[in-house]
Each structure stands twice: as structure tokens, then as C-alpha cells.
Amino acid sequence: MEKADVYWFGSQEVSHDVALALKTIGYEEPTPIQVDCIGPLLGGADIVGQAHTGTGKTAAFGIPLVERVDTTQNIIQGLVLVPTRELAMQVRDEVARLGQFRKVGVVACYGGQPIARQITALDRNAQIVVGTPGRILDHIGRGTLRLGEVRTLVLDEADEMLDIGFLPDIERILGNTPRDRQTALFSATLPPAIRGIVGRHMKSPTWIRIGNEIETAPDVRQVYYEVLEQDRVRACVALLKNHANEGKVLLFRKTKAGVDNLTQALQRQGISVMGIHGGLVQGERNAAMKSFHAGDVKVLVATNVAARGLDIPEISHVVNYDIPQNLEEYVHRIGRTARMGRHGVAITFVSEWDIEILDLLQESLGNNLTLEKLSF
């Protein structure tokens, strides 16, 4: 990575401190989105990046964020907005690792954590803030977060934030930042509302697309099983036992009650499993995610919202216990497996009530989604 006094990440020159951080983390070569984004962002350009999670986009904006911070100034210079608490913590951790040798202060602000703790962290050493729109607005209203010196603002998982209903909050936050700031927006899809944000708040952005917006990862084997509603728990138990030694499994249910019911049913069958949804207190969510990350629990049951932004490379199987309601949701879900060059399997349970949605998926995915038989 070093040549004389010049340090490189791929073909991109980086500082000694960031080069050292990349080596410590284990990054050797940039991913495609990092190749396309790091240079323009370091140069001050606005970016619209269309890519799914798991493509390396956090480092794509994290490296320029860290490089552009003036470490002599203890003021907020970078702001990253994300849809969920879990993603806020995840992005905070990765940006902090990238900035560890530059001594960049990175603080996460999200709901479910005592705000006093965040205020203390913001006062002590904060140059980059990662947060959910609701909690960021809360801090702005209290006067505990001042964004008048923000040089770079990142909207991560922008389509997910809009799905949750954060557009008004995002508009208010943007209004509290300098008009001449740099803006980077990352989104798996680019619906009209996203393009509206780009038109209103960004300056001649560079558009970068990594894959098609409805493209599924080539390393994901996609299958579906015809399973009646009343047989799904038994089918799920059989599936989990068949693949017990292959990696972590992420199960999707469409409701919070569904997550709780399935988690309890699997636990009664001796499966080591935890559930996560927005109705849990933050401590319960953190405990579940910590156990899943560490591998203490190999099965996680989640709602769509709770799983947004999860980046856990070891997920070998995604199971749609409840069929996704549209193609975009399907693509988001199965994108949790086959990360960073790995292979994965996406499984969908289908009943007679799901034929219409199944037809839609097959029309879009063609031969990629195939019927298989599950014995249980």
C-alpha cells in the first residue's frame, strides 16, 4: 500500500493514517463502488450512488468523510443520516475504524438510547455524526447539535428512509446545513421522491450505478417451496436443521407479532434463535444483534424495517417465511446474503394465497426463481 511517501488504496491516493486504518481493518482492494466514489467525493463532488448494502458503500463515503475532516476543529463537519438504530451503530463503528489513526471523533445519535449520553459525546469530541432523522431533529431542537459547519452530508439507504416516512424530517435537517455543503446520496432504488431530493438539494451530482436496481446478486440461489400456512413452523424447523452447519440464517416475517410467534415456536423446538423488531426496547435489540453477530445465535427472525441496513457477511440463508409483497422488497431481503463475494441461498415459502405475488416475482426474475421440494 506504500510507495515512498505516497499511500494508495487501489489507484486512489490516501493519507498515511487512512492507509494504516485500511491495513488494520483488512481492506486490500477497493470494491467497484469504492473505486467509483472515493475520488469524486475527495474532490468535493456531489454523488448519487445506486447500490445495495454489502457492496462496500460505507467505506466508499467513509474514507472521504474521514480524509476531509479538519482534526484541529472540534465541530461537526460530517453528517450521515440512516434509517435505523442498528445501521447508525454499524456505520458509526466502521467510520470510527477508518478514522482511528486520524483521531476523528464519530458519534451515533438514535432513539432508544438516553439522550443525555449522546449530548455528552457531542460536547466531548464529535466531528462526524451518524444518526436517524428523528433523533437528529431532536438534538437540533434542543440546541445540542449545530450543523452550520457541516461540509459533507450523506443520505445512506435513502429509499429505506423514505419508506419509513422520514422525508419531512430529512428536508428539515437539510435546511439546517450550509447550502454549499457536499451531498452524497446512496440508495438501492431511485423512485421519484428520491429524484426530487436530488433535484432540490444537490449540485450537478455524479451518478454511479453498481448493478441494476432490480438486479439480484448472481451468487444467490433462489428457490421457493409450496408450504401451507399451518405447516410452516414444521417446514422451518426441518429447513434449519438441514442447514444447521452452513452459516447464519435470517428469517423474515411481515409483522412484529409474527416475529415473536415464530421465535417462540422455534425455541420450543430447540432452535437457538432470537427475534428483532421495532417494538423491542433498545437493550433487547442490541442483545439480539450482538448474539447474531458473534455467532452465539445462528438464526435471527426479523421484520423488514428491523433488518434494514444489516451487513452481516456470514448469512448463508435468507428465508421469506412470509412472501414479500413486491419485487423491490424481495430484492432488499435476499440482498442480505451472498455478501462480498460469498454464495448464499434465498428461500421463499409460498401458499395458494401467494400465487399472484409469485407470478410477479417469476415474471421479473425468470429462471432465477425455481420450485424445489422440501421434506418435513
Protein backbone atom coordinates (compact mmCIF):
# COMPACT_ATOMS: atom_id res chain seq x y z
CA MET A 1 0.00 0.00 0.00
CA GLU A 2 3.03 2.25 0.50
CA LYS A 3 5.33 3.67 -2.12
CA ALA A 4 7.83 6.28 -0.91
CA ASP A 5 5.68 8.80 0.96
CA VAL A 6 2.58 8.12 -1.14
CA TYR A 7 -0.11 5.70 0.04
CA TRP A 8 -2.65 4.01 -2.18
CA PHE A 9 -5.95 2.19 -1.89
CA GLY A 10 -6.23 0.63 -5.32
CA SER A 11 -5.48 3.54 -7.66
CA GLN A 12 -6.67 6.16 -5.15
CA GLU A 13 -4.13 8.10 -3.12
CA VAL A 14 -4.97 8.23 0.60
CA SER A 15 -3.29 9.64 3.68
CA HIS A 16 -0.85 7.62 5.78
CA ASP A 17 -3.36 7.42 8.65
CA VAL A 18 -6.19 6.13 6.45
CA ALA A 19 -3.85 3.69 4.69
CA LEU A 20 -2.85 2.34 8.10
CA ALA A 21 -6.51 2.05 9.13
CA LEU A 22 -7.37 0.17 5.92
CA LYS A 23 -4.49 -2.24 6.52
CA THR A 24 -5.56 -2.75 10.15
CA ILE A 25 -9.17 -3.43 9.13
CA GLY A 26 -8.02 -5.82 6.41
CA TYR A 27 -9.11 -3.90 3.31
CA GLU A 28 -6.73 -4.77 0.46
CA GLU A 29 -8.50 -3.73 -2.75
CA PRO A 30 -11.46 -1.36 -3.23
CA THR A 31 -14.86 -2.68 -4.31
CA PRO A 32 -16.43 -1.27 -7.52
CA ILE A 33 -18.45 1.37 -5.68
CA GLN A 34 -15.38 2.44 -3.73
CA VAL A 35 -13.41 2.77 -6.95
CA ASP A 36 -16.14 4.99 -8.45
CA CYS A 37 -16.98 7.11 -5.38
CA ILE A 38 -13.85 7.82 -3.34
CA GLY A 39 -12.10 10.03 -5.88
CA PRO A 40 -15.07 12.29 -6.72
CA LEU A 41 -16.02 12.63 -3.04
CA LEU A 42 -12.46 13.54 -2.09
CA GLY A 43 -12.64 16.13 -4.85
CA GLY A 44 -15.75 17.69 -3.35
CA ALA A 45 -18.31 16.47 -5.92
CA ASP A 46 -21.89 15.53 -5.08
CA ILE A 47 -22.64 11.83 -5.65
CA VAL A 48 -25.76 9.75 -6.25
CA GLY A 49 -24.78 6.13 -5.75
CA GLN A 50 -27.20 3.34 -6.62
CA ALA A 51 -26.09 0.21 -4.83
CA HIS A 52 -27.32 -2.33 -2.31
CA THR A 53 -25.89 -2.89 1.15
CA GLY A 54 -22.97 -5.31 1.17
CA THR A 55 -21.19 -3.60 -1.73
CA GLY A 56 -18.78 -1.65 0.46
CA LYS A 57 -20.56 1.68 0.24
CA THR A 58 -19.94 2.64 3.89
CA ALA A 59 -16.22 2.81 3.21
CA ALA A 60 -16.99 4.47 -0.16
CA PHE A 61 -18.27 7.53 1.68
CA GLY A 62 -16.48 6.88 4.99
CA ILE A 63 -12.96 7.23 3.62
CA PRO A 64 -13.60 10.68 2.06
CA LEU A 65 -15.52 11.78 5.18
CA VAL A 66 -12.55 10.94 7.39
CA GLU A 67 -10.00 12.42 4.99
CA ARG A 68 -11.87 15.73 4.72
CA VAL A 69 -12.19 16.34 8.46
CA ASP A 70 -10.06 19.11 9.94
CA THR A 71 -9.00 17.38 13.15
CA THR A 72 -7.90 20.67 14.72
CA GLN A 73 -11.53 21.83 14.75
CA ASN A 74 -13.87 20.22 17.30
CA ILE A 75 -17.03 20.98 15.32
CA ILE A 76 -19.49 18.84 13.34
CA GLN A 77 -18.08 18.60 9.81
CA GLY A 78 -19.80 15.46 8.53
CA LEU A 79 -23.36 14.15 8.97
CA VAL A 80 -24.63 10.72 7.90
CA LEU A 81 -28.39 10.04 8.00
CA VAL A 82 -29.52 6.39 8.17
CA PRO A 83 -32.95 4.74 8.58
CA THR A 84 -32.44 2.62 11.71
CA ARG A 85 -30.65 2.48 15.07
CA GLU A 86 -28.78 -0.68 14.11
CA LEU A 87 -27.43 0.89 10.94
CA ALA A 88 -26.46 4.04 12.86
CA MET A 89 -24.30 1.96 15.21
CA GLN A 90 -22.90 -0.09 12.36
CA VAL A 91 -21.90 2.94 10.26
CA ARG A 92 -20.53 4.76 13.33
CA ASP A 93 -18.30 1.79 14.11
CA GLU A 94 -16.94 1.49 10.57
CA VAL A 95 -16.28 5.22 10.14
CA ALA A 96 -14.60 5.28 13.56
CA ARG A 97 -12.32 2.43 12.50
CA LEU A 98 -11.42 4.30 9.30
CA GLY A 99 -10.66 7.43 11.32
CA GLN A 100 -8.91 5.78 14.26
CA PHE A 101 -5.40 6.97 13.41
CA ARG A 102 -6.54 10.46 12.42
CA LYS A 103 -8.24 10.67 15.84
CA VAL A 104 -11.57 11.63 14.24
CA GLY A 105 -14.46 11.83 16.71
CA VAL A 106 -17.51 9.88 15.48
CA VAL A 107 -20.79 9.89 17.43
CA ALA A 108 -24.02 7.98 16.80
CA CYS A 109 -27.38 9.58 17.64
CA TYR A 110 -30.51 7.41 17.59
CA GLY A 111 -33.67 6.81 19.53
CA GLY A 112 -33.88 4.27 22.32
CA GLN A 113 -30.66 5.46 23.95
CA PRO A 114 -30.60 8.11 26.73
CA ILE A 115 -30.19 11.45 25.01
CA ALA A 116 -28.00 12.76 27.85
CA ARG A 117 -25.31 10.22 26.91
CA GLN A 118 -25.36 11.47 23.33
CA ILE A 119 -25.21 15.12 24.43
CA THR A 120 -22.09 14.35 26.48
CA ALA A 121 -20.47 12.62 23.49
CA LEU A 122 -21.36 15.51 21.17
CA ASP A 123 -19.83 18.02 23.58
CA ARG A 124 -16.66 16.00 24.15
CA ASN A 125 -15.37 15.18 20.66
CA ALA A 126 -17.63 15.00 17.64
CA GLN A 127 -16.56 15.80 14.11
CA ILE A 128 -18.75 13.26 12.31
CA VAL A 129 -22.28 12.40 13.45
CA VAL A 130 -24.22 9.34 12.27
CA GLY A 131 -27.90 9.29 13.17
CA THR A 132 -31.54 8.60 12.45
CA PRO A 133 -33.53 11.62 11.25
CA GLY A 134 -35.88 11.70 14.25
CA ARG A 135 -33.13 11.83 16.85
CA ILE A 136 -31.05 14.28 14.80
CA LEU A 137 -34.03 16.66 14.69
CA ASP A 138 -34.48 16.19 18.44
CA HIS A 139 -30.91 17.35 19.02
CA ILE A 140 -31.33 20.28 16.63
CA GLY A 141 -34.46 21.35 18.52
CA ARG A 142 -32.64 21.15 21.86
CA GLY A 143 -29.69 23.13 20.54
CA THR A 144 -27.33 20.24 21.29
CA LEU A 145 -26.40 19.66 17.65
CA ARG A 146 -25.28 22.53 15.43
CA LEU A 147 -24.88 21.80 11.73
CA GLY A 148 -23.75 25.21 10.50
CA GLU A 149 -20.24 23.97 9.71
CA VAL A 150 -21.17 20.67 8.02
CA ARG A 151 -19.03 20.19 4.93
CA THR A 152 -20.38 16.79 3.83
CA LEU A 153 -23.84 15.27 4.30
CA VAL A 154 -24.55 11.63 3.43
CA LEU A 155 -28.01 10.11 2.96
CA ASP A 156 -27.49 6.36 3.32
CA GLU A 157 -30.23 3.87 2.39
CA ALA A 158 -32.26 6.87 1.21
CA ASP A 159 -35.14 4.82 -0.22
CA GLU A 160 -35.48 2.99 3.09
CA MET A 161 -35.69 6.29 4.98
CA LEU A 162 -38.47 7.46 2.69
CA ASP A 163 -40.33 4.15 3.11
CA ILE A 164 -40.38 4.74 6.87
CA GLY A 165 -41.76 8.27 6.34
CA PHE A 166 -38.65 10.33 7.08
CA LEU A 167 -38.89 12.67 4.06
CA PRO A 168 -40.21 15.71 6.04
CA ASP A 169 -37.51 15.19 8.69
CA ILE A 170 -34.80 14.92 6.04
CA GLU A 171 -35.98 18.15 4.40
CA ARG A 172 -35.84 19.98 7.76
CA ILE A 173 -32.36 18.64 8.51
CA LEU A 174 -31.07 19.66 5.08
CA GLY A 175 -32.43 23.14 5.77
CA ASN A 176 -30.19 23.35 8.84
CA THR A 177 -26.99 22.68 6.89
CA PRO A 178 -24.97 25.08 4.69
CA ARG A 179 -26.20 25.39 1.12
CA ASP A 180 -22.65 24.98 -0.20
CA ARG A 181 -22.14 21.63 1.54
CA GLN A 182 -21.21 18.46 -0.34
CA THR A 183 -24.03 15.89 -0.52
CA ALA A 184 -23.81 12.15 -1.19
CA LEU A 185 -26.95 10.04 -1.56
CA PHE A 186 -26.93 6.23 -1.62
CA SER A 187 -29.99 4.18 -2.43
CA ALA A 188 -30.80 0.72 -3.78
CA THR A 189 -33.65 2.20 -5.84
CA LEU A 190 -34.35 5.66 -7.23
CA PRO A 191 -38.10 6.36 -7.01
CA PRO A 192 -39.46 9.84 -7.87
CA ALA A 193 -39.23 11.08 -4.27
CA ILE A 194 -35.50 10.33 -4.23
CA ARG A 195 -35.00 12.11 -7.54
CA GLY A 196 -36.90 15.05 -6.03
CA ILE A 197 -34.37 15.30 -3.20
CA VAL A 198 -31.55 15.17 -5.74
CA GLY A 199 -33.12 17.96 -7.80
CA ARG A 200 -33.80 20.22 -4.82
CA HIS A 201 -30.68 19.72 -2.74
CA MET A 202 -27.77 18.53 -4.86
CA LYS A 203 -25.42 20.32 -7.24
CA SER A 204 -24.78 18.61 -10.62
CA PRO A 205 -24.17 15.24 -8.96
CA THR A 206 -22.16 12.42 -10.44
CA TRP A 207 -24.44 9.38 -10.92
CA ILE A 208 -22.96 5.99 -10.12
CA ARG A 209 -24.78 2.70 -10.53
CA ILE A 210 -23.46 -0.64 -9.32
CA GLY A 211 -25.81 -3.19 -10.85
CA ASN A 212 -29.44 -2.72 -11.92
CA GLU A 213 -31.90 -1.54 -9.27
CA ILE A 214 -33.93 -4.76 -9.51
CA GLU A 215 -30.95 -6.98 -10.15
CA THR A 216 -30.40 -9.80 -7.68
CA ALA A 217 -26.92 -10.94 -6.70
CA PRO A 218 -25.62 -13.61 -9.09
CA ASP A 219 -24.24 -15.64 -6.18
CA VAL A 220 -27.70 -16.13 -4.59
CA ARG A 221 -29.51 -19.38 -5.41
CA GLN A 222 -33.23 -18.53 -5.31
CA VAL A 223 -35.78 -21.25 -4.59
CA TYR A 224 -39.35 -21.48 -3.34
CA TYR A 225 -41.26 -24.21 -1.53
CA GLU A 226 -45.01 -24.75 -1.63
CA VAL A 227 -45.92 -24.86 2.08
CA LEU A 228 -49.37 -24.46 3.63
CA GLU A 229 -49.70 -21.83 6.37
CA GLN A 230 -50.34 -24.43 9.07
CA ASP A 231 -47.22 -26.40 8.09
CA ARG A 232 -44.72 -23.56 8.01
CA VAL A 233 -43.27 -23.93 11.51
CA ARG A 234 -42.57 -27.63 10.89
CA ALA A 235 -41.10 -26.79 7.47
CA CYS A 236 -38.96 -24.09 9.03
CA VAL A 237 -37.61 -26.44 11.72
CA ALA A 238 -36.73 -29.04 9.08
CA LEU A 239 -35.03 -26.41 6.92
CA LEU A 240 -32.97 -25.04 9.81
CA LYS A 241 -31.86 -28.49 10.90
CA ASN A 242 -30.92 -29.43 7.32
CA HIS A 243 -28.67 -26.36 7.04
CA ALA A 244 -27.52 -26.11 10.67
CA ASN A 245 -23.81 -26.15 9.83
CA GLU A 246 -23.81 -23.86 6.79
CA GLY A 247 -23.87 -20.40 8.38
CA LYS A 248 -26.31 -17.88 9.78
CA VAL A 249 -29.96 -17.74 8.78
CA LEU A 250 -32.13 -14.60 8.55
CA LEU A 251 -35.89 -15.27 8.63
CA PHE A 252 -38.35 -12.58 7.52
CA ARG A 253 -41.83 -12.08 8.92
CA LYS A 254 -44.09 -9.18 7.95
CA THR A 255 -45.32 -8.21 11.45
CA LYS A 256 -43.90 -7.76 14.93
CA ALA A 257 -46.35 -10.33 16.32
CA GLY A 258 -45.25 -12.73 13.60
CA VAL A 259 -41.62 -12.32 14.67
CA ASP A 260 -42.49 -13.03 18.31
CA ASN A 261 -44.69 -16.03 17.49
CA LEU A 262 -42.17 -17.67 15.17
CA THR A 263 -39.26 -17.02 17.53
CA GLN A 264 -41.11 -18.67 20.40
CA ALA A 265 -42.27 -21.60 18.26
CA LEU A 266 -38.72 -22.30 17.07
CA GLN A 267 -37.34 -22.01 20.60
CA ARG A 268 -39.85 -24.62 21.74
CA GLN A 269 -38.39 -26.91 19.07
CA GLY A 270 -34.89 -26.48 20.46
CA ILE A 271 -33.68 -23.99 17.84
CA SER A 272 -31.24 -21.32 19.08
CA VAL A 273 -32.98 -18.21 17.75
CA MET A 274 -33.68 -14.59 18.62
CA GLY A 275 -36.12 -12.07 17.15
CA ILE A 276 -35.80 -8.38 16.35
CA HIS A 277 -38.41 -5.74 15.55
CA GLY A 278 -39.18 -2.10 16.29
CA GLY A 279 -41.36 -2.93 19.29
CA LEU A 280 -38.43 -4.18 21.37
CA VAL A 281 -36.57 -1.87 23.72
CA GLN A 282 -33.11 -0.88 22.55
CA GLY A 283 -31.35 -3.17 25.01
CA GLU A 284 -33.22 -6.20 23.65
CA ARG A 285 -32.43 -5.24 20.05
CA ASN A 286 -28.76 -4.73 20.89
CA ALA A 287 -28.56 -8.09 22.69
CA ALA A 288 -30.10 -9.92 19.74
CA MET A 289 -27.80 -8.25 17.22
CA LYS A 290 -24.71 -8.83 19.38
CA SER A 291 -25.53 -12.53 19.73
CA PHE A 292 -26.19 -12.89 15.99
CA HIS A 293 -23.02 -11.02 15.01
CA ALA A 294 -20.91 -13.11 17.39
CA GLY A 295 -22.45 -16.38 16.20
CA ASP A 296 -23.82 -17.28 19.63
CA VAL A 297 -27.20 -17.41 17.90
CA LYS A 298 -27.27 -18.64 14.31
CA VAL A 299 -30.90 -17.77 13.50
CA LEU A 300 -32.48 -14.31 13.55
CA VAL A 301 -36.17 -13.58 12.89
CA ALA A 302 -36.82 -10.00 11.76
CA THR A 303 -39.30 -7.62 10.19
CA ASN A 304 -38.33 -5.71 7.05
CA VAL A 305 -37.78 -2.47 8.98
CA ALA A 306 -35.65 -4.06 11.71
CA ALA A 307 -33.39 -5.74 9.12
CA ARG A 308 -32.80 -2.62 7.03
CA GLY A 309 -29.13 -1.94 6.57
CA LEU A 310 -27.93 -5.10 8.30
CA ASP A 311 -24.50 -6.01 6.97
CA ILE A 312 -23.53 -9.42 8.36
CA PRO A 313 -21.33 -11.23 5.83
CA GLU A 314 -21.82 -14.73 7.27
CA ILE A 315 -25.55 -15.00 6.44
CA SER A 316 -25.77 -18.10 4.26
CA HIS A 317 -29.58 -18.33 4.00
CA VAL A 318 -32.41 -15.81 3.83
CA VAL A 319 -35.86 -17.32 4.38
CA ASN A 320 -39.02 -15.46 3.39
CA TYR A 321 -41.41 -17.11 5.86
CA ASP A 322 -43.96 -14.58 4.61
CA ILE A 323 -43.66 -13.85 0.91
CA PRO A 324 -42.52 -10.26 0.11
CA GLN A 325 -45.29 -8.02 -1.17
CA ASN A 326 -43.40 -6.68 -4.17
CA LEU A 327 -40.21 -7.14 -6.19
CA GLU A 328 -38.33 -4.32 -4.50
CA GLU A 329 -38.96 -5.81 -1.06
CA TYR A 330 -37.85 -9.22 -2.34
CA VAL A 331 -34.59 -7.81 -3.70
CA HIS A 332 -33.89 -5.95 -0.44
CA ARG A 333 -34.46 -9.08 1.61
CA ILE A 334 -32.37 -11.52 -0.39
CA GLY A 335 -29.59 -8.94 -0.64
CA ARG A 336 -28.72 -9.81 2.98
CA THR A 337 -26.96 -12.98 1.80
CA ALA A 338 -24.07 -13.57 -0.63
CA ARG A 339 -22.16 -10.55 0.65
CA MET A 340 -18.70 -9.54 -0.55
CA GLY A 341 -18.18 -12.45 -2.97
CA ARG A 342 -19.77 -15.18 -0.86
CA HIS A 343 -22.53 -17.54 -2.03
CA GLY A 344 -25.98 -17.68 -0.48
CA VAL A 345 -29.44 -19.19 -0.72
CA ALA A 346 -32.76 -17.31 -0.70
CA ILE A 347 -35.81 -19.42 0.18
CA THR A 348 -39.45 -18.35 -0.06
CA PHE A 349 -42.45 -20.16 1.40
CA VAL A 350 -45.48 -19.98 -0.89
CA SER A 351 -49.09 -20.99 -0.32
CA GLU A 352 -52.15 -20.93 -2.57
CA TRP A 353 -52.81 -17.36 -1.38
CA ASP A 354 -49.46 -16.14 -2.72
CA ILE A 355 -49.80 -17.13 -6.38
CA GLU A 356 -50.36 -13.58 -7.65
CA ILE A 357 -47.20 -12.26 -6.00
CA LEU A 358 -45.25 -15.36 -7.01
CA ASP A 359 -46.26 -14.78 -10.64
CA LEU A 360 -45.00 -11.19 -10.39
CA LEU A 361 -41.66 -12.33 -8.98
CA GLN A 362 -41.24 -15.05 -11.60
CA GLU A 363 -42.11 -12.64 -14.40
CA SER A 364 -39.33 -10.32 -13.26
CA LEU A 365 -36.75 -12.92 -12.22
CA GLY A 366 -37.35 -15.53 -14.91
CA ASN A 367 -35.49 -18.78 -14.40
CA ASN A 368 -33.64 -17.44 -11.36
CA LEU A 369 -36.50 -18.42 -9.01
CA THR A 370 -37.13 -22.18 -9.09
CA LEU A 371 -39.50 -24.58 -7.34
CA GLU A 372 -37.99 -27.26 -5.11
CA LYS A 373 -39.48 -29.86 -2.77
CA LEU A 374 -38.93 -29.73 1.00
CA SER A 375 -39.42 -32.89 3.07
CA PHE A 376 -40.58 -32.42 6.64
